[in-house]
Protein backbone atom coordinates (compact mmCIF):
# COMPACT_ATOMS: atom_id res chain seq x y z
CA MET A 1 -55.57 52.07 58.08
CA PHE A 2 -57.00 54.05 60.94
CA VAL A 3 -54.39 55.56 63.15
CA LYS A 4 -54.82 56.97 66.66
CA VAL A 5 -51.88 58.47 68.53
CA CYS A 6 -52.71 58.51 72.37
CA GLY A 7 -51.41 60.25 75.40
CA LEU A 8 -50.84 63.68 73.72
CA SER A 9 -50.30 66.65 75.92
CA THR A 10 -48.80 69.41 73.76
CA PRO A 11 -49.80 71.39 70.66
CA GLU A 12 -46.54 70.29 69.01
CA SER A 13 -47.27 66.62 69.45
CA ILE A 14 -50.87 67.05 68.19
CA ARG A 15 -49.67 69.03 65.12
CA GLU A 16 -47.17 66.39 64.31
CA ALA A 17 -49.74 63.54 64.52
CA VAL A 18 -52.28 65.55 62.45
CA GLU A 19 -49.84 66.53 59.84
CA ALA A 20 -48.49 63.04 59.56
CA GLY A 21 -52.18 61.91 58.62
CA ALA A 22 -53.42 60.46 62.03
CA ASP A 23 -57.24 59.90 62.02
CA ALA A 24 -57.69 60.19 65.92
CA VAL A 25 -55.82 61.76 68.95
CA GLY A 26 -56.20 60.54 72.48
CA PHE A 27 -56.09 62.42 75.83
CA VAL A 28 -55.62 60.65 79.09
CA LEU A 29 -57.98 61.90 81.69
CA THR A 30 -57.19 59.11 84.24
CA ALA A 31 -54.32 58.47 86.71
CA SER A 32 -51.21 58.08 84.43
CA PRO A 33 -47.78 59.72 83.66
CA ARG A 34 -49.74 61.06 80.59
CA VAL A 35 -52.68 62.53 82.45
CA VAL A 36 -53.95 65.96 81.27
CA SER A 37 -56.85 68.03 82.93
CA PRO A 38 -60.16 68.77 81.30
CA ALA A 39 -58.92 72.48 81.08
CA GLN A 40 -55.66 71.46 79.33
CA VAL A 41 -57.67 69.29 76.72
CA MET A 42 -59.82 72.36 75.98
CA GLN A 43 -56.72 74.37 75.06
CA LEU A 44 -55.23 71.51 73.15
CA LEU A 45 -58.44 71.02 71.06
CA ARG A 46 -57.50 74.14 69.27
CA SER A 47 -54.82 72.22 67.44
CA VAL A 48 -57.28 69.37 66.35
CA PRO A 49 -59.09 69.88 63.12
CA GLU A 50 -62.70 68.74 62.87
CA SER A 51 -61.65 65.86 60.65
CA VAL A 52 -59.60 64.26 63.45
CA ALA A 53 -61.47 62.59 66.35
CA ALA A 54 -60.48 63.66 69.77
CA ILE A 55 -60.89 61.04 72.43
CA GLY A 56 -60.83 61.03 76.19
CA VAL A 57 -59.37 58.00 77.69
CA PHE A 58 -60.51 56.59 81.09
CA ARG A 59 -59.66 53.57 83.07
CA HIS A 60 -61.80 52.53 86.17
CA GLU A 61 -63.91 55.55 86.37
CA PRO A 62 -67.69 54.89 86.37
CA ALA A 63 -69.10 55.56 82.93
CA GLY A 64 -71.22 58.44 84.14
CA ASP A 65 -68.07 60.06 85.69
CA ALA A 66 -66.11 59.50 82.48
CA VAL A 67 -68.85 61.20 80.45
CA ALA A 68 -69.06 64.18 82.78
CA ILE A 69 -65.24 64.67 82.72
CA ALA A 70 -65.07 64.35 78.88
CA ARG A 71 -67.90 66.77 78.56
CA ALA A 72 -66.03 69.28 80.66
CA ALA A 73 -63.17 68.70 78.36
CA GLY A 74 -65.18 69.52 75.28
CA LEU A 75 -64.87 65.96 73.81
CA GLU A 76 -67.52 63.75 72.19
CA TRP A 77 -65.62 60.45 72.13
CA ILE A 78 -64.66 58.36 75.36
CA GLN A 79 -62.45 55.13 75.39
CA LEU A 80 -63.24 53.06 78.42
CA HIS A 81 -60.77 50.71 79.84
CA GLY A 82 -61.11 48.31 82.84
CA ARG A 83 -64.02 46.08 83.71
CA ARG A 84 -66.99 47.19 81.79
CA THR A 85 -70.50 46.20 81.05
CA PRO A 86 -72.97 46.76 78.13
CA GLU A 87 -74.67 49.28 80.45
CA ASP A 88 -71.51 51.34 80.36
CA VAL A 89 -71.65 51.72 76.65
CA LYS A 90 -75.37 52.57 76.98
CA THR A 91 -74.79 55.32 79.59
CA ALA A 92 -72.19 56.92 77.23
CA HIS A 93 -74.50 56.68 74.29
CA ASP A 94 -77.55 58.06 76.27
CA ALA A 95 -75.30 61.06 76.94
CA GLY A 96 -74.56 61.59 73.29
CA MET A 97 -71.07 60.29 73.48
CA LYS A 98 -69.22 57.92 70.94
CA VAL A 99 -67.43 54.92 72.54
CA ILE A 100 -64.20 53.09 71.94
CA ARG A 101 -64.38 49.95 74.45
CA ALA A 102 -60.98 48.71 75.27
CA VAL A 103 -60.46 44.96 76.04
CA THR A 104 -57.25 42.98 76.54
CA MET A 105 -56.26 39.90 74.36
CA ASP A 106 -56.69 37.63 77.50
CA ASP A 107 -60.25 38.77 78.11
CA ALA A 108 -63.09 36.14 78.02
CA PRO A 109 -64.47 35.50 74.54
CA ASP A 110 -67.77 37.27 75.26
CA ALA A 111 -65.77 40.56 75.75
CA PHE A 112 -64.98 40.57 72.06
CA GLY A 113 -68.73 40.58 70.99
CA SER A 114 -70.21 43.91 70.06
CA TRP A 115 -71.91 45.91 72.83
CA GLY A 116 -72.95 48.63 70.47
CA GLU A 117 -69.61 50.66 70.81
CA GLU A 118 -68.41 52.44 67.73
CA ARG A 119 -64.96 50.89 68.06
CA LEU A 120 -63.38 48.13 69.91
CA LEU A 121 -59.62 48.43 71.00
CA VAL A 122 -57.68 45.21 71.77
CA ASP A 123 -54.61 45.78 74.02
CA ALA A 124 -51.98 43.68 75.36
CA ALA A 125 -52.69 41.54 78.43
CA VAL A 126 -50.93 44.35 80.60
CA PRO A 127 -52.12 47.73 79.05
CA GLY A 128 -49.49 50.37 78.94
CA SER A 129 -46.63 47.90 79.33
CA GLY A 130 -45.18 48.68 75.93
CA GLU A 131 -44.61 45.03 75.45
CA SER A 132 -45.33 43.40 71.95
CA TRP A 133 -47.36 40.18 71.85
CA ASP A 134 -48.68 37.52 69.50
CA TYR A 135 -50.66 39.85 67.09
CA GLY A 136 -51.47 36.91 64.90
CA SER A 137 -53.58 35.48 67.68
CA MET A 138 -56.22 38.07 67.03
CA ARG A 139 -57.18 36.21 63.82
CA THR A 140 -59.07 33.66 66.13
CA LYS A 141 -61.29 36.35 67.96
CA GLY A 142 -63.95 36.66 65.25
CA LEU A 143 -63.41 40.34 64.54
CA ASP A 144 -63.50 40.17 60.83
CA GLY A 145 -65.50 43.01 59.31
CA ARG A 146 -65.52 45.05 62.69
CA ASN A 147 -63.94 48.37 63.13
CA TRP A 148 -61.34 47.45 65.72
CA LEU A 149 -57.91 48.86 66.82
CA LEU A 150 -54.79 46.91 67.74
CA ALA A 151 -52.82 48.28 70.55
CA GLY A 152 -49.99 47.27 72.81
CA GLY A 153 -46.33 47.15 72.06
CA LEU A 154 -46.56 48.94 68.76
CA ASN A 155 -43.86 51.22 67.34
CA PRO A 156 -42.70 52.58 64.09
CA ALA A 157 -40.63 49.54 63.32
CA ASN A 158 -43.33 46.87 64.02
CA VAL A 159 -46.66 48.46 63.27
CA ALA A 160 -47.15 47.59 59.70
CA GLU A 161 -46.26 43.85 60.26
CA ALA A 162 -48.27 43.61 63.45
CA ALA A 163 -51.38 45.11 61.92
CA GLN A 164 -51.20 42.84 58.97
CA ALA A 165 -50.66 39.84 61.15
CA ALA A 166 -53.62 40.70 63.27
CA GLY A 167 -55.96 41.69 60.46
CA ALA A 168 -56.53 44.95 62.32
CA TRP A 169 -58.74 47.76 60.93
CA GLY A 170 -56.71 50.42 62.77
CA VAL A 171 -53.98 50.80 65.29
CA ASP A 172 -53.34 52.85 68.53
CA VAL A 173 -50.12 53.89 70.00
CA SER A 174 -48.83 55.76 72.99
CA SER A 175 -45.58 54.56 74.67
CA GLY A 176 -44.23 53.38 71.28
CA VAL A 177 -43.76 57.02 70.22
CA GLU A 178 -42.11 58.35 73.29
CA LYS A 179 -38.58 59.30 74.23
CA SER A 180 -39.23 58.95 77.86
CA ARG A 181 -42.27 57.88 79.85
CA GLY A 182 -45.07 60.39 79.06
CA VAL A 183 -42.91 62.42 76.83
CA LYS A 184 -43.57 62.11 72.99
CA ASP A 185 -40.93 62.00 70.33
CA LEU A 186 -42.08 64.09 67.33
CA ALA A 187 -39.99 62.13 64.90
CA LYS A 188 -41.47 58.83 66.14
CA ILE A 189 -45.03 60.01 65.85
CA ARG A 190 -44.46 60.93 62.17
CA ALA A 191 -42.72 57.56 61.45
CA PHE A 192 -45.34 55.54 63.27
CA VAL A 193 -48.29 57.18 61.25
CA THR A 194 -46.37 56.99 57.98
CA ALA A 195 -45.61 53.22 58.59
CA ALA A 196 -49.06 52.38 59.59
CA LYS A 197 -50.65 54.25 56.58
CA ALA A 198 -48.12 52.55 54.16
């Protein structure tokens, strides 16, 4: 099970995720309680080993702007939320970036097709809400055999069951491992990664 822990902002939270076995860490570079600056990311990357993917997360920014910000932060991966087009993925690839394209479970069926992104992320209808949803409904989306991540409402207590119900290749968490909005709980990070990997 591929595990991404998102919204990290301290060396301690990164170390906890990495030591627990996370495969990727996410840095929010868009308006959010979890936002960090490109300069902060450059510092935080010192705590990220080469074996762990470091990903810049964006919401409504044009793909070209997201690429420029991610590059300034020293990142090679970008995660694109919001209304996107295949051209956005191409823009990122042309700039040498790898892409996680985020959709919500309520998006139109064509959003779940491959646009050439390295990973697809499927979030709750209201991303960032922390609310769980009908994970089993993902079985009808035709994602078998694809490298896709389940997100939205996941926490240490439900991640294993949710991932199994959805048939997910990987999982992504942010609010589910926080003690307050935007503040990570180190014990929850470790518990989440351990539960997902088990």
